[in-house]
N, C-alpha and C. Protein backbone atom coordinates (compact mmCIF):
# COMPACT_ATOMS: atom_id res chain seq x y z
N MET A 1 7.18 -28.31 27.54
CA MET A 1 6.04 -28.19 28.43
C MET A 1 4.77 -28.27 27.61
N GLY A 2 3.85 -28.95 27.78
CA GLY A 2 2.71 -29.06 26.89
C GLY A 2 1.47 -28.44 27.46
N LYS A 3 0.37 -28.97 26.98
CA LYS A 3 -0.94 -28.51 27.40
C LYS A 3 -1.22 -29.02 28.81
N CYS A 4 -1.97 -28.26 29.59
CA CYS A 4 -2.36 -28.70 30.93
C CYS A 4 -3.36 -29.85 30.80
N ARG A 5 -3.15 -30.90 31.59
CA ARG A 5 -4.04 -32.05 31.52
C ARG A 5 -4.52 -32.42 32.92
N GLY A 6 -5.54 -33.21 32.97
CA GLY A 6 -6.00 -33.73 34.25
C GLY A 6 -7.09 -32.91 34.89
N LEU A 7 -7.38 -33.26 36.12
CA LEU A 7 -8.42 -32.57 36.88
C LEU A 7 -7.98 -31.17 37.27
N ARG A 8 -8.94 -30.33 37.49
CA ARG A 8 -8.72 -28.96 37.97
C ARG A 8 -7.88 -28.11 37.00
N THR A 9 -7.98 -28.35 35.70
CA THR A 9 -7.26 -27.50 34.75
C THR A 9 -8.20 -26.56 33.99
N ALA A 10 -9.47 -26.54 34.38
CA ALA A 10 -10.47 -25.74 33.67
C ALA A 10 -10.14 -24.25 33.74
N ARG A 11 -9.53 -23.80 34.81
CA ARG A 11 -9.18 -22.39 34.93
C ARG A 11 -7.92 -22.07 34.13
N LYS A 12 -7.00 -23.01 34.13
CA LYS A 12 -5.70 -22.78 33.51
C LYS A 12 -5.78 -22.77 31.97
N LEU A 13 -6.59 -23.65 31.37
CA LEU A 13 -6.61 -23.79 29.92
C LEU A 13 -6.99 -22.50 29.18
N PRO A 14 -8.10 -21.81 29.52
CA PRO A 14 -8.43 -20.58 28.79
C PRO A 14 -7.35 -19.51 28.89
N SER A 15 -6.73 -19.38 30.05
CA SER A 15 -5.67 -18.37 30.19
C SER A 15 -4.44 -18.77 29.37
N HIS A 16 -4.19 -20.07 29.27
CA HIS A 16 -3.08 -20.55 28.45
C HIS A 16 -3.35 -20.25 26.97
N TRP A 17 -4.61 -20.49 26.52
CA TRP A 17 -4.98 -20.18 25.14
C TRP A 17 -4.81 -18.70 24.85
N ARG A 18 -5.23 -17.86 25.81
CA ARG A 18 -5.13 -16.41 25.64
C ARG A 18 -3.67 -15.98 25.48
N ASP A 19 -2.79 -16.59 26.28
CA ASP A 19 -1.36 -16.25 26.18
C ASP A 19 -0.76 -16.73 24.87
N GLN A 20 -1.17 -17.92 24.42
CA GLN A 20 -0.60 -18.49 23.21
C GLN A 20 -1.02 -17.76 21.94
N LYS A 21 -2.13 -17.03 21.98
CA LYS A 21 -2.57 -16.27 20.81
C LYS A 21 -1.50 -15.28 20.37
N TRP A 22 -0.78 -14.72 21.34
CA TRP A 22 0.21 -13.69 21.04
C TRP A 22 1.44 -14.25 20.34
N HIS A 23 1.57 -15.56 20.27
CA HIS A 23 2.68 -16.15 19.52
C HIS A 23 2.35 -16.34 18.05
N ASN A 24 1.08 -16.09 17.69
CA ASN A 24 0.65 -16.15 16.30
C ASN A 24 0.96 -14.80 15.64
N LYS A 25 1.73 -14.84 14.55
CA LYS A 25 2.21 -13.61 13.91
C LYS A 25 1.05 -12.73 13.40
N LYS A 26 0.06 -13.36 12.76
CA LYS A 26 -1.06 -12.58 12.21
C LYS A 26 -1.91 -11.96 13.32
N TYR A 27 -2.15 -12.70 14.40
CA TYR A 27 -2.92 -12.18 15.52
C TYR A 27 -2.21 -10.98 16.15
N LYS A 28 -0.91 -11.13 16.33
CA LYS A 28 -0.12 -10.07 16.95
C LYS A 28 -0.15 -8.80 16.11
N LYS A 29 -0.01 -8.96 14.79
CA LYS A 29 -0.01 -7.82 13.88
C LYS A 29 -1.36 -7.10 13.90
N ALA A 30 -2.44 -7.87 13.99
CA ALA A 30 -3.78 -7.28 13.96
C ALA A 30 -4.13 -6.57 15.26
N HIS A 31 -3.62 -7.06 16.40
CA HIS A 31 -4.08 -6.55 17.68
C HIS A 31 -3.12 -5.61 18.40
N LEU A 32 -1.86 -5.55 17.99
CA LEU A 32 -0.92 -4.64 18.66
C LEU A 32 -1.14 -3.18 18.26
N GLY A 33 -1.56 -2.96 17.02
CA GLY A 33 -1.79 -1.58 16.56
C GLY A 33 -0.56 -0.95 15.94
N THR A 34 0.57 -1.64 15.91
CA THR A 34 1.77 -1.05 15.33
C THR A 34 1.73 -1.06 13.81
N ALA A 35 0.92 -1.95 13.23
CA ALA A 35 0.80 -2.01 11.76
C ALA A 35 0.18 -0.73 11.23
N LEU A 36 -0.77 -0.16 11.97
CA LEU A 36 -1.42 1.08 11.55
C LEU A 36 -0.47 2.27 11.66
N LYS A 37 0.42 2.21 12.64
CA LYS A 37 1.36 3.33 12.82
C LYS A 37 2.40 3.38 11.71
N THR A 38 2.81 2.22 11.23
CA THR A 38 3.84 2.19 10.19
C THR A 38 3.26 2.37 8.80
N ASN A 39 1.96 2.13 8.63
CA ASN A 39 1.31 2.27 7.33
C ASN A 39 1.14 3.74 6.99
N PRO A 40 1.61 4.21 5.81
CA PRO A 40 1.45 5.62 5.46
C PRO A 40 -0.01 6.04 5.33
N PHE A 41 -0.91 5.10 5.02
CA PHE A 41 -2.33 5.43 4.88
C PHE A 41 -3.04 5.51 6.23
N GLU A 42 -2.39 5.06 7.30
CA GLU A 42 -2.93 5.04 8.65
C GLU A 42 -4.25 4.26 8.71
N GLY A 43 -4.27 3.10 8.07
CA GLY A 43 -5.43 2.23 8.15
C GLY A 43 -6.45 2.40 7.04
N ALA A 44 -6.34 3.46 6.23
CA ALA A 44 -7.30 3.68 5.15
C ALA A 44 -6.90 2.85 3.93
N SER A 45 -7.86 2.59 3.04
CA SER A 45 -7.57 1.79 1.85
C SER A 45 -6.98 2.64 0.73
N HIS A 46 -7.39 3.90 0.64
CA HIS A 46 -6.89 4.82 -0.38
C HIS A 46 -6.49 6.12 0.30
N ALA A 47 -5.68 6.93 -0.39
CA ALA A 47 -5.29 8.22 0.16
C ALA A 47 -5.02 9.21 -0.96
N LYS A 48 -5.41 10.48 -0.74
CA LYS A 48 -5.13 11.52 -1.72
C LYS A 48 -3.73 12.06 -1.49
N ARG A 49 -3.04 12.28 -2.60
CA ARG A 49 -1.67 12.75 -2.52
C ARG A 49 -1.40 13.78 -3.59
N ILE A 50 -0.35 14.56 -3.39
CA ILE A 50 0.08 15.55 -4.37
C ILE A 50 1.34 15.02 -5.04
N LEU A 51 1.36 15.08 -6.36
CA LEU A 51 2.47 14.54 -7.13
C LEU A 51 3.67 15.47 -7.06
N LEU A 52 4.82 14.91 -6.71
CA LEU A 52 6.04 15.71 -6.62
C LEU A 52 6.89 15.59 -7.88
N GLY A 53 6.95 14.41 -8.45
CA GLY A 53 7.76 14.22 -9.66
C GLY A 53 7.66 12.81 -10.20
N LYS A 54 8.15 12.63 -11.43
CA LYS A 54 8.13 11.32 -12.08
C LYS A 54 9.49 10.65 -11.89
N VAL A 55 9.44 9.33 -11.64
CA VAL A 55 10.65 8.59 -11.33
C VAL A 55 10.65 7.29 -12.13
N GLY A 56 11.81 6.87 -12.59
CA GLY A 56 11.94 5.56 -13.22
C GLY A 56 12.64 4.62 -12.25
N VAL A 57 11.99 3.51 -11.92
CA VAL A 57 12.56 2.54 -10.98
C VAL A 57 13.02 1.33 -11.77
N GLU A 58 14.28 0.95 -11.59
CA GLU A 58 14.81 -0.21 -12.30
C GLU A 58 14.23 -1.49 -11.72
N ALA A 59 13.90 -2.43 -12.61
CA ALA A 59 13.36 -3.72 -12.18
C ALA A 59 14.46 -4.54 -11.52
N LYS A 60 14.04 -5.56 -10.77
CA LYS A 60 14.99 -6.44 -10.10
C LYS A 60 15.75 -7.29 -11.12
N GLN A 61 16.70 -8.05 -10.61
CA GLN A 61 17.58 -8.88 -11.42
C GLN A 61 16.81 -9.76 -12.40
N LEU A 62 17.40 -10.03 -13.52
CA LEU A 62 16.88 -10.83 -14.64
C LEU A 62 15.92 -10.06 -15.53
N ASN A 63 15.25 -9.05 -15.03
CA ASN A 63 14.40 -8.21 -15.86
C ASN A 63 15.10 -6.88 -16.06
N SER A 64 15.28 -6.47 -17.31
CA SER A 64 15.93 -5.19 -17.57
C SER A 64 14.87 -4.22 -18.10
N ALA A 65 14.27 -3.49 -17.18
CA ALA A 65 13.24 -2.53 -17.57
C ALA A 65 13.26 -1.38 -16.57
N ILE A 66 12.73 -0.27 -17.01
CA ILE A 66 12.56 0.86 -16.11
C ILE A 66 11.06 1.03 -15.90
N ARG A 67 10.60 0.75 -14.69
CA ARG A 67 9.19 0.84 -14.36
C ARG A 67 8.82 2.29 -14.08
N LYS A 68 7.71 2.73 -14.63
CA LYS A 68 7.29 4.12 -14.50
C LYS A 68 6.60 4.33 -13.15
N CYS A 69 7.18 5.18 -12.33
CA CYS A 69 6.64 5.46 -11.00
C CYS A 69 6.61 6.97 -10.77
N VAL A 70 5.95 7.36 -9.71
CA VAL A 70 5.89 8.79 -9.34
C VAL A 70 6.16 8.93 -7.85
N ARG A 71 6.76 10.05 -7.47
CA ARG A 71 6.94 10.39 -6.06
C ARG A 71 5.75 11.24 -5.65
N VAL A 72 5.09 10.86 -4.57
CA VAL A 72 3.91 11.60 -4.12
C VAL A 72 4.01 11.88 -2.63
N GLN A 73 3.30 12.93 -2.19
CA GLN A 73 3.30 13.32 -0.78
C GLN A 73 1.88 13.31 -0.27
N LEU A 74 1.65 12.61 0.82
CA LEU A 74 0.33 12.49 1.40
C LEU A 74 -0.14 13.83 1.95
N ILE A 75 -1.41 14.13 1.71
CA ILE A 75 -1.95 15.42 2.14
C ILE A 75 -2.14 15.46 3.65
N LYS A 76 -2.65 14.35 4.25
CA LYS A 76 -3.02 14.42 5.66
C LYS A 76 -1.85 14.33 6.64
N ASN A 77 -0.73 13.66 6.26
CA ASN A 77 0.38 13.60 7.22
C ASN A 77 1.74 13.93 6.62
N GLY A 78 1.80 14.30 5.33
CA GLY A 78 3.04 14.78 4.75
C GLY A 78 4.07 13.72 4.40
N GLN A 79 3.75 12.43 4.54
CA GLN A 79 4.72 11.38 4.22
C GLN A 79 4.89 11.26 2.71
N ARG A 80 6.10 10.95 2.28
CA ARG A 80 6.40 10.81 0.85
C ARG A 80 6.65 9.35 0.52
N ILE A 81 6.04 8.90 -0.57
CA ILE A 81 6.22 7.51 -1.01
C ILE A 81 6.37 7.47 -2.52
N THR A 82 6.75 6.30 -3.03
CA THR A 82 6.80 6.05 -4.46
C THR A 82 5.62 5.19 -4.84
N ALA A 83 4.90 5.57 -5.91
CA ALA A 83 3.72 4.82 -6.36
C ALA A 83 3.91 4.43 -7.82
N PHE A 84 3.46 3.25 -8.17
CA PHE A 84 3.57 2.72 -9.52
C PHE A 84 2.45 3.27 -10.39
N VAL A 85 2.77 3.58 -11.67
CA VAL A 85 1.77 4.03 -12.64
C VAL A 85 1.52 2.88 -13.61
N PRO A 86 0.31 2.28 -13.61
CA PRO A 86 0.05 1.14 -14.50
C PRO A 86 -0.09 1.56 -15.96
N ASP A 87 0.07 0.60 -16.86
CA ASP A 87 -0.02 0.76 -18.31
C ASP A 87 1.11 1.64 -18.86
N HIS A 88 1.33 1.55 -20.18
CA HIS A 88 2.51 2.18 -20.78
C HIS A 88 2.38 3.69 -20.94
N GLY A 89 1.25 4.19 -21.42
CA GLY A 89 1.14 5.62 -21.71
C GLY A 89 0.53 6.45 -20.61
N CYS A 90 0.22 5.84 -19.48
CA CYS A 90 -0.46 6.57 -18.40
C CYS A 90 0.42 7.66 -17.78
N LEU A 91 1.72 7.52 -17.87
CA LEU A 91 2.60 8.52 -17.29
C LEU A 91 2.48 9.85 -18.02
N ASN A 92 2.09 9.82 -19.32
CA ASN A 92 1.93 11.05 -20.08
C ASN A 92 0.69 11.83 -19.65
N VAL A 93 -0.27 11.16 -19.03
CA VAL A 93 -1.51 11.81 -18.58
C VAL A 93 -1.28 12.59 -17.29
N ILE A 94 -0.32 12.13 -16.50
CA ILE A 94 -0.06 12.74 -15.19
C ILE A 94 0.90 13.90 -15.32
N GLU A 95 0.60 15.00 -14.60
CA GLU A 95 1.49 16.17 -14.57
C GLU A 95 1.89 16.45 -13.13
N GLU A 96 2.94 17.24 -12.98
CA GLU A 96 3.39 17.58 -11.62
C GLU A 96 2.36 18.44 -10.92
N ASN A 97 2.33 18.32 -9.59
CA ASN A 97 1.40 19.01 -8.69
C ASN A 97 -0.06 18.59 -8.90
N ASP A 98 -0.28 17.47 -9.58
CA ASP A 98 -1.63 16.91 -9.69
C ASP A 98 -2.02 16.27 -8.37
N GLU A 99 -3.32 16.24 -8.11
CA GLU A 99 -3.82 15.51 -6.95
C GLU A 99 -4.18 14.11 -7.41
N VAL A 100 -3.54 13.10 -6.86
CA VAL A 100 -3.76 11.72 -7.28
C VAL A 100 -4.30 10.90 -6.13
N LEU A 101 -5.09 9.87 -6.47
CA LEU A 101 -5.58 8.93 -5.47
C LEU A 101 -4.73 7.68 -5.57
N VAL A 102 -4.19 7.24 -4.43
CA VAL A 102 -3.26 6.12 -4.41
C VAL A 102 -3.86 4.98 -3.59
N ALA A 103 -3.70 3.74 -4.07
CA ALA A 103 -4.16 2.55 -3.35
C ALA A 103 -3.00 1.58 -3.22
N GLY A 104 -3.17 0.57 -2.38
CA GLY A 104 -2.16 -0.46 -2.24
C GLY A 104 -2.11 -1.33 -3.49
N VAL A 105 -0.95 -1.93 -3.75
CA VAL A 105 -0.81 -2.75 -4.95
C VAL A 105 -1.50 -4.10 -4.78
N GLY A 106 -1.58 -4.62 -3.57
CA GLY A 106 -2.35 -5.85 -3.39
C GLY A 106 -1.74 -6.92 -2.53
N ARG A 107 -0.56 -6.69 -1.95
CA ARG A 107 0.04 -7.73 -1.10
C ARG A 107 0.12 -7.29 0.35
N LYS A 108 -0.83 -6.49 0.79
CA LYS A 108 -0.93 -6.05 2.19
C LYS A 108 0.37 -5.43 2.70
N GLY A 109 0.85 -4.43 1.97
CA GLY A 109 2.03 -3.71 2.43
C GLY A 109 3.35 -4.22 1.91
N HIS A 110 3.33 -5.18 0.99
CA HIS A 110 4.57 -5.69 0.41
C HIS A 110 4.69 -5.26 -1.04
N ALA A 111 5.91 -5.17 -1.52
CA ALA A 111 6.13 -4.86 -2.94
C ALA A 111 5.69 -6.03 -3.80
N VAL A 112 5.29 -5.73 -5.04
CA VAL A 112 4.77 -6.75 -5.94
C VAL A 112 5.68 -6.88 -7.15
N GLY A 113 5.91 -8.11 -7.58
CA GLY A 113 6.66 -8.36 -8.81
C GLY A 113 8.11 -7.94 -8.72
N ASP A 114 8.60 -7.30 -9.79
CA ASP A 114 10.02 -6.96 -9.87
C ASP A 114 10.30 -5.49 -9.56
N ILE A 115 9.33 -4.81 -8.93
CA ILE A 115 9.54 -3.39 -8.59
C ILE A 115 9.94 -3.31 -7.12
N PRO A 116 11.20 -3.07 -6.81
CA PRO A 116 11.63 -3.09 -5.41
C PRO A 116 11.16 -1.86 -4.64
N GLY A 117 10.55 -2.09 -3.49
CA GLY A 117 10.18 -1.01 -2.58
C GLY A 117 8.96 -0.20 -2.96
N VAL A 118 8.25 -0.59 -4.01
CA VAL A 118 7.06 0.16 -4.41
C VAL A 118 5.83 -0.64 -3.99
N ARG A 119 5.06 -0.09 -3.03
CA ARG A 119 3.94 -0.83 -2.45
C ARG A 119 2.58 -0.25 -2.83
N PHE A 120 2.58 0.83 -3.64
CA PHE A 120 1.33 1.52 -3.95
C PHE A 120 1.20 1.78 -5.44
N LYS A 121 -0.03 2.03 -5.91
CA LYS A 121 -0.26 2.34 -7.32
C LYS A 121 -1.22 3.53 -7.43
N VAL A 122 -1.12 4.26 -8.53
CA VAL A 122 -1.98 5.41 -8.79
C VAL A 122 -3.29 4.90 -9.39
N VAL A 123 -4.43 5.38 -8.85
CA VAL A 123 -5.74 4.94 -9.31
C VAL A 123 -6.47 6.07 -10.05
N LYS A 124 -6.45 7.28 -9.48
CA LYS A 124 -7.15 8.42 -10.08
C LYS A 124 -6.22 9.62 -10.17
N VAL A 125 -6.49 10.46 -11.16
CA VAL A 125 -5.76 11.72 -11.32
C VAL A 125 -6.80 12.82 -11.43
N ALA A 126 -6.71 13.82 -10.57
CA ALA A 126 -7.65 14.95 -10.55
C ALA A 126 -9.10 14.44 -10.51
N SER A 127 -9.38 13.48 -9.64
CA SER A 127 -10.71 12.91 -9.40
C SER A 127 -11.30 12.18 -10.60
N VAL A 128 -10.48 11.82 -11.58
CA VAL A 128 -10.93 11.06 -12.75
C VAL A 128 -10.07 9.80 -12.84
N SER A 129 -10.68 8.68 -13.20
CA SER A 129 -9.98 7.42 -13.30
C SER A 129 -8.80 7.53 -14.27
N LEU A 130 -7.66 7.02 -13.86
CA LEU A 130 -6.46 7.07 -14.69
C LEU A 130 -6.66 6.27 -15.99
N LEU A 131 -7.34 5.14 -15.89
CA LEU A 131 -7.57 4.30 -17.07
C LEU A 131 -8.50 5.00 -18.07
N ALA A 132 -9.53 5.71 -17.57
CA ALA A 132 -10.45 6.43 -18.46
C ALA A 132 -9.73 7.57 -19.18
N LEU A 133 -8.83 8.25 -18.48
CA LEU A 133 -8.04 9.32 -19.10
C LEU A 133 -7.13 8.75 -20.18
N TYR A 134 -6.51 7.61 -19.87
CA TYR A 134 -5.57 6.99 -20.80
C TYR A 134 -6.26 6.50 -22.08
N LYS A 135 -7.44 5.92 -21.91
CA LYS A 135 -8.17 5.40 -23.07
C LYS A 135 -8.92 6.48 -23.83
N GLY A 136 -9.01 7.70 -23.26
CA GLY A 136 -9.68 8.80 -23.94
C GLY A 136 -11.18 8.84 -23.71
N LYS A 137 -11.68 8.08 -22.75
CA LYS A 137 -13.11 8.08 -22.47
C LYS A 137 -13.54 9.33 -21.71
N LYS A 138 -12.62 9.89 -20.93
CA LYS A 138 -12.91 11.12 -20.18
C LYS A 138 -11.77 12.09 -20.36
N GLU A 139 -12.06 13.37 -20.10
CA GLU A 139 -11.04 14.40 -20.18
C GLU A 139 -10.74 14.94 -18.79
N ARG A 140 -9.58 15.56 -18.69
CA ARG A 140 -9.20 16.17 -17.41
C ARG A 140 -10.13 17.33 -17.12
N PRO A 141 -10.55 17.50 -15.87
CA PRO A 141 -11.39 18.64 -15.54
C PRO A 141 -10.57 19.94 -15.59
N ARG A 142 -11.21 21.00 -16.02
CA ARG A 142 -10.55 22.32 -16.07
C ARG A 142 -10.41 22.86 -14.67
N SER A 143 -9.21 23.28 -14.31
CA SER A 143 -9.03 23.79 -12.94
C SER A 143 -8.63 25.23 -12.92
C-alpha cells in the first residue's frame, strides 16, 4: 500500500505522516517515555552514588584482562549498578562507602568496548575529580 495520491488527499497525508512517525525506532524511543523509566539516572546526565565494593570484570573474548569496576548504589532511587574506573591506579584512590559521581560511558545506554554490561564510569570521588586525585593535583577532603 503506498502513499495516498490524487485529488482530495490533503487531509489524509498529514495523518498518514503522523502515524508513520511511530515506525521510526529513534522517534518512538524519544516520545514513548519508556527510555527514562529503564534508565537508572531517570533522564539525568550524572548521578551521585554510594560505593558498595570493588569488582573485577573480565573482558570479552580475545582480550584477557580484568577491568577495574565498582558496585555502586544510587542515592535517589536505590538502584545498584556496576561502573567502570578509568586509568590503572585510580582504583587505589577510591574507598568503600565513598560518595562518587557517575556518568554514562558514551554510547547512550550501551556498553563500550570489551567490558560486558558496564554502561557507566566514575567521574568524581568525594566531590573531587578522580583524575586530579590520581595525578596528585588535589587531595581528598577531610570528612
